[in-house]
Amino acid sequence: MSENYKVFSLAVPNGLTFCGQEIPLKKTHVAEKLDRELLVNTYWHSNTFLMMKRANRWFPTIERILEGRRNA
């Protein structure tokens, strides 16, 4: 393996929002799950590609759900 190849953990941000909702990163289990996803999607590219392929199937459903919440 090359000496120039460096593996490191990305820092979990102090604050984060998704769809206008604050993500409760002060809760340990939430921060740990975010940390896992950052690591998986940084170093396990096959999983990232798989999720991108599946996005076309799931985004229409997710968008309908979010649109319903916006109109509620």
N, C-alpha and C. Protein backbone atom coordinates (compact mmCIF):
# COMPACT_ATOMS: atom_id res chain seq x y z
N MET A 1 0.84 -1.18 0.00
CA MET A 1 0.00 0.00 0.00
C MET A 1 0.89 1.24 0.00
N SER A 2 0.48 2.24 -0.70
CA SER A 2 1.26 3.46 -0.82
C SER A 2 1.38 4.18 0.53
N GLU A 3 2.54 4.77 0.78
CA GLU A 3 2.72 5.55 2.00
C GLU A 3 1.90 6.84 1.95
N ASN A 4 1.49 7.25 0.78
CA ASN A 4 0.71 8.48 0.63
C ASN A 4 -0.77 8.28 0.91
N TYR A 5 -1.19 7.04 1.05
CA TYR A 5 -2.59 6.74 1.28
C TYR A 5 -2.90 6.93 2.76
N LYS A 6 -3.80 7.85 3.06
CA LYS A 6 -4.13 8.15 4.44
C LYS A 6 -5.62 7.91 4.68
N VAL A 7 -5.93 7.22 5.74
CA VAL A 7 -7.31 6.97 6.13
C VAL A 7 -7.54 7.70 7.44
N PHE A 8 -8.61 8.49 7.49
CA PHE A 8 -8.91 9.21 8.71
C PHE A 8 -10.43 9.39 8.82
N SER A 9 -10.86 9.62 10.02
CA SER A 9 -12.28 9.80 10.29
C SER A 9 -12.66 11.26 10.05
N LEU A 10 -13.79 11.48 9.39
CA LEU A 10 -14.29 12.83 9.21
C LEU A 10 -14.92 13.30 10.51
N ALA A 11 -14.81 14.58 10.79
CA ALA A 11 -15.38 15.14 12.01
C ALA A 11 -16.89 15.28 11.87
N VAL A 12 -17.60 14.87 12.90
CA VAL A 12 -19.05 15.07 12.94
C VAL A 12 -19.26 16.55 13.28
N PRO A 13 -20.07 17.26 12.50
CA PRO A 13 -20.26 18.70 12.76
C PRO A 13 -20.98 18.94 14.09
N ASN A 14 -20.83 20.14 14.62
CA ASN A 14 -21.50 20.51 15.87
C ASN A 14 -23.00 20.72 15.66
N GLY A 15 -23.38 21.17 14.48
CA GLY A 15 -24.78 21.40 14.18
C GLY A 15 -25.09 21.00 12.76
N LEU A 16 -26.33 20.55 12.53
CA LEU A 16 -26.73 20.08 11.21
C LEU A 16 -28.24 20.15 11.10
N THR A 17 -28.73 20.56 9.93
CA THR A 17 -30.17 20.54 9.69
C THR A 17 -30.45 19.73 8.43
N PHE A 18 -31.64 19.16 8.38
CA PHE A 18 -32.10 18.43 7.21
C PHE A 18 -33.55 18.79 6.99
N CYS A 19 -33.87 19.30 5.81
CA CYS A 19 -35.23 19.72 5.47
C CYS A 19 -35.78 20.71 6.50
N GLY A 20 -34.91 21.59 6.97
CA GLY A 20 -35.34 22.61 7.91
C GLY A 20 -35.45 22.14 9.35
N GLN A 21 -35.14 20.88 9.61
CA GLN A 21 -35.22 20.32 10.97
C GLN A 21 -33.80 20.15 11.53
N GLU A 22 -33.61 20.59 12.76
CA GLU A 22 -32.31 20.41 13.40
C GLU A 22 -32.10 18.93 13.74
N ILE A 23 -30.92 18.42 13.43
CA ILE A 23 -30.57 17.05 13.76
C ILE A 23 -30.01 17.06 15.19
N PRO A 24 -30.55 16.22 16.09
CA PRO A 24 -30.13 16.25 17.50
C PRO A 24 -28.79 15.55 17.73
N LEU A 25 -27.71 16.19 17.30
CA LEU A 25 -26.38 15.58 17.40
C LEU A 25 -25.85 15.51 18.83
N LYS A 26 -26.54 16.14 19.78
CA LYS A 26 -26.14 16.02 21.19
C LYS A 26 -26.49 14.63 21.73
N LYS A 27 -27.42 13.95 21.07
CA LYS A 27 -27.76 12.57 21.44
C LYS A 27 -26.68 11.65 20.87
N THR A 28 -26.06 10.91 21.74
CA THR A 28 -24.91 10.09 21.35
C THR A 28 -25.24 9.14 20.22
N HIS A 29 -26.38 8.46 20.28
CA HIS A 29 -26.69 7.48 19.25
C HIS A 29 -26.90 8.14 17.88
N VAL A 30 -27.40 9.36 17.86
CA VAL A 30 -27.59 10.07 16.58
C VAL A 30 -26.23 10.45 16.01
N ALA A 31 -25.34 11.01 16.83
CA ALA A 31 -24.00 11.38 16.37
C ALA A 31 -23.22 10.16 15.89
N GLU A 32 -23.37 9.02 16.60
CA GLU A 32 -22.67 7.80 16.20
C GLU A 32 -23.19 7.27 14.86
N LYS A 33 -24.49 7.36 14.64
CA LYS A 33 -25.04 6.90 13.36
C LYS A 33 -24.57 7.80 12.21
N LEU A 34 -24.50 9.11 12.46
CA LEU A 34 -23.98 10.02 11.43
C LEU A 34 -22.52 9.71 11.16
N ASP A 35 -21.74 9.49 12.21
CA ASP A 35 -20.32 9.15 12.06
C ASP A 35 -20.16 7.90 11.20
N ARG A 36 -20.99 6.89 11.45
CA ARG A 36 -20.92 5.65 10.67
C ARG A 36 -21.21 5.93 9.20
N GLU A 37 -22.25 6.71 8.92
CA GLU A 37 -22.60 7.00 7.53
C GLU A 37 -21.50 7.78 6.83
N LEU A 38 -20.88 8.72 7.54
CA LEU A 38 -19.77 9.47 6.94
C LEU A 38 -18.62 8.53 6.58
N LEU A 39 -18.30 7.61 7.48
CA LEU A 39 -17.21 6.66 7.21
C LEU A 39 -17.56 5.71 6.07
N VAL A 40 -18.75 5.15 6.11
CA VAL A 40 -19.17 4.20 5.08
C VAL A 40 -19.16 4.86 3.71
N ASN A 41 -19.71 6.05 3.62
CA ASN A 41 -19.83 6.69 2.32
C ASN A 41 -18.54 7.37 1.87
N THR A 42 -17.58 7.53 2.77
CA THR A 42 -16.28 8.06 2.38
C THR A 42 -15.37 6.96 1.86
N TYR A 43 -15.39 5.80 2.51
CA TYR A 43 -14.43 4.75 2.19
C TYR A 43 -15.02 3.52 1.53
N TRP A 44 -16.31 3.42 1.47
CA TRP A 44 -16.94 2.25 0.86
C TRP A 44 -17.73 2.72 -0.35
N HIS A 45 -17.04 3.01 -1.43
CA HIS A 45 -17.65 3.64 -2.60
C HIS A 45 -18.72 2.78 -3.26
N SER A 46 -18.60 1.47 -3.17
CA SER A 46 -19.62 0.62 -3.79
C SER A 46 -20.98 0.88 -3.13
N ASN A 47 -21.01 1.12 -1.84
CA ASN A 47 -22.26 1.42 -1.15
C ASN A 47 -22.82 2.76 -1.62
N THR A 48 -21.95 3.73 -1.82
CA THR A 48 -22.38 5.04 -2.31
C THR A 48 -23.02 4.89 -3.69
N PHE A 49 -22.39 4.16 -4.58
CA PHE A 49 -22.94 3.97 -5.92
C PHE A 49 -24.28 3.24 -5.88
N LEU A 50 -24.38 2.26 -4.99
CA LEU A 50 -25.63 1.52 -4.86
C LEU A 50 -26.76 2.46 -4.40
N MET A 51 -26.48 3.31 -3.44
CA MET A 51 -27.49 4.26 -2.98
C MET A 51 -27.88 5.25 -4.07
N MET A 52 -26.92 5.67 -4.86
CA MET A 52 -27.22 6.59 -5.97
C MET A 52 -28.13 5.91 -6.99
N LYS A 53 -27.89 4.63 -7.25
CA LYS A 53 -28.73 3.89 -8.18
C LYS A 53 -30.15 3.75 -7.63
N ARG A 54 -30.27 3.54 -6.33
CA ARG A 54 -31.59 3.37 -5.72
C ARG A 54 -32.33 4.68 -5.53
N ALA A 55 -31.64 5.79 -5.59
CA ALA A 55 -32.27 7.09 -5.35
C ALA A 55 -33.42 7.34 -6.31
N ASN A 56 -33.27 6.97 -7.57
CA ASN A 56 -34.34 7.20 -8.54
C ASN A 56 -35.62 6.46 -8.16
N ARG A 57 -35.50 5.35 -7.48
CA ARG A 57 -36.66 4.59 -7.06
C ARG A 57 -37.32 5.23 -5.84
N TRP A 58 -36.53 5.74 -4.91
CA TRP A 58 -37.07 6.20 -3.63
C TRP A 58 -37.36 7.68 -3.53
N PHE A 59 -36.67 8.52 -4.31
CA PHE A 59 -36.89 9.97 -4.18
C PHE A 59 -38.31 10.40 -4.51
N PRO A 60 -38.99 9.84 -5.49
CA PRO A 60 -40.39 10.25 -5.70
C PRO A 60 -41.26 10.02 -4.46
N THR A 61 -41.07 8.90 -3.77
CA THR A 61 -41.83 8.62 -2.56
C THR A 61 -41.46 9.61 -1.46
N ILE A 62 -40.18 9.84 -1.27
CA ILE A 62 -39.72 10.77 -0.24
C ILE A 62 -40.23 12.18 -0.53
N GLU A 63 -40.18 12.59 -1.79
CA GLU A 63 -40.65 13.93 -2.16
C GLU A 63 -42.15 14.09 -1.88
N ARG A 64 -42.96 13.06 -2.14
CA ARG A 64 -44.39 13.13 -1.85
C ARG A 64 -44.63 13.28 -0.35
N ILE A 65 -43.87 12.54 0.44
CA ILE A 65 -44.01 12.62 1.90
C ILE A 65 -43.64 14.03 2.38
N LEU A 66 -42.53 14.55 1.89
CA LEU A 66 -42.10 15.88 2.32
C LEU A 66 -43.06 16.96 1.84
N GLU A 67 -43.59 16.81 0.65
CA GLU A 67 -44.57 17.78 0.14
C GLU A 67 -45.82 17.77 1.00
N GLY A 68 -46.25 16.61 1.42
CA GLY A 68 -47.42 16.51 2.30
C GLY A 68 -47.21 17.21 3.62
N ARG A 69 -45.99 17.11 4.16
CA ARG A 69 -45.68 17.79 5.43
C ARG A 69 -45.63 19.29 5.23
N ARG A 70 -45.18 19.74 4.08
CA ARG A 70 -45.10 21.17 3.81
C ARG A 70 -46.50 21.77 3.74
N ASN A 71 -47.46 21.02 3.21
CA ASN A 71 -48.83 21.53 3.05
C ASN A 71 -49.68 21.32 4.29
N ALA A 72 -49.17 20.60 5.27
CA ALA A 72 -49.97 20.31 6.48
C ALA A 72 -50.07 21.52 7.39
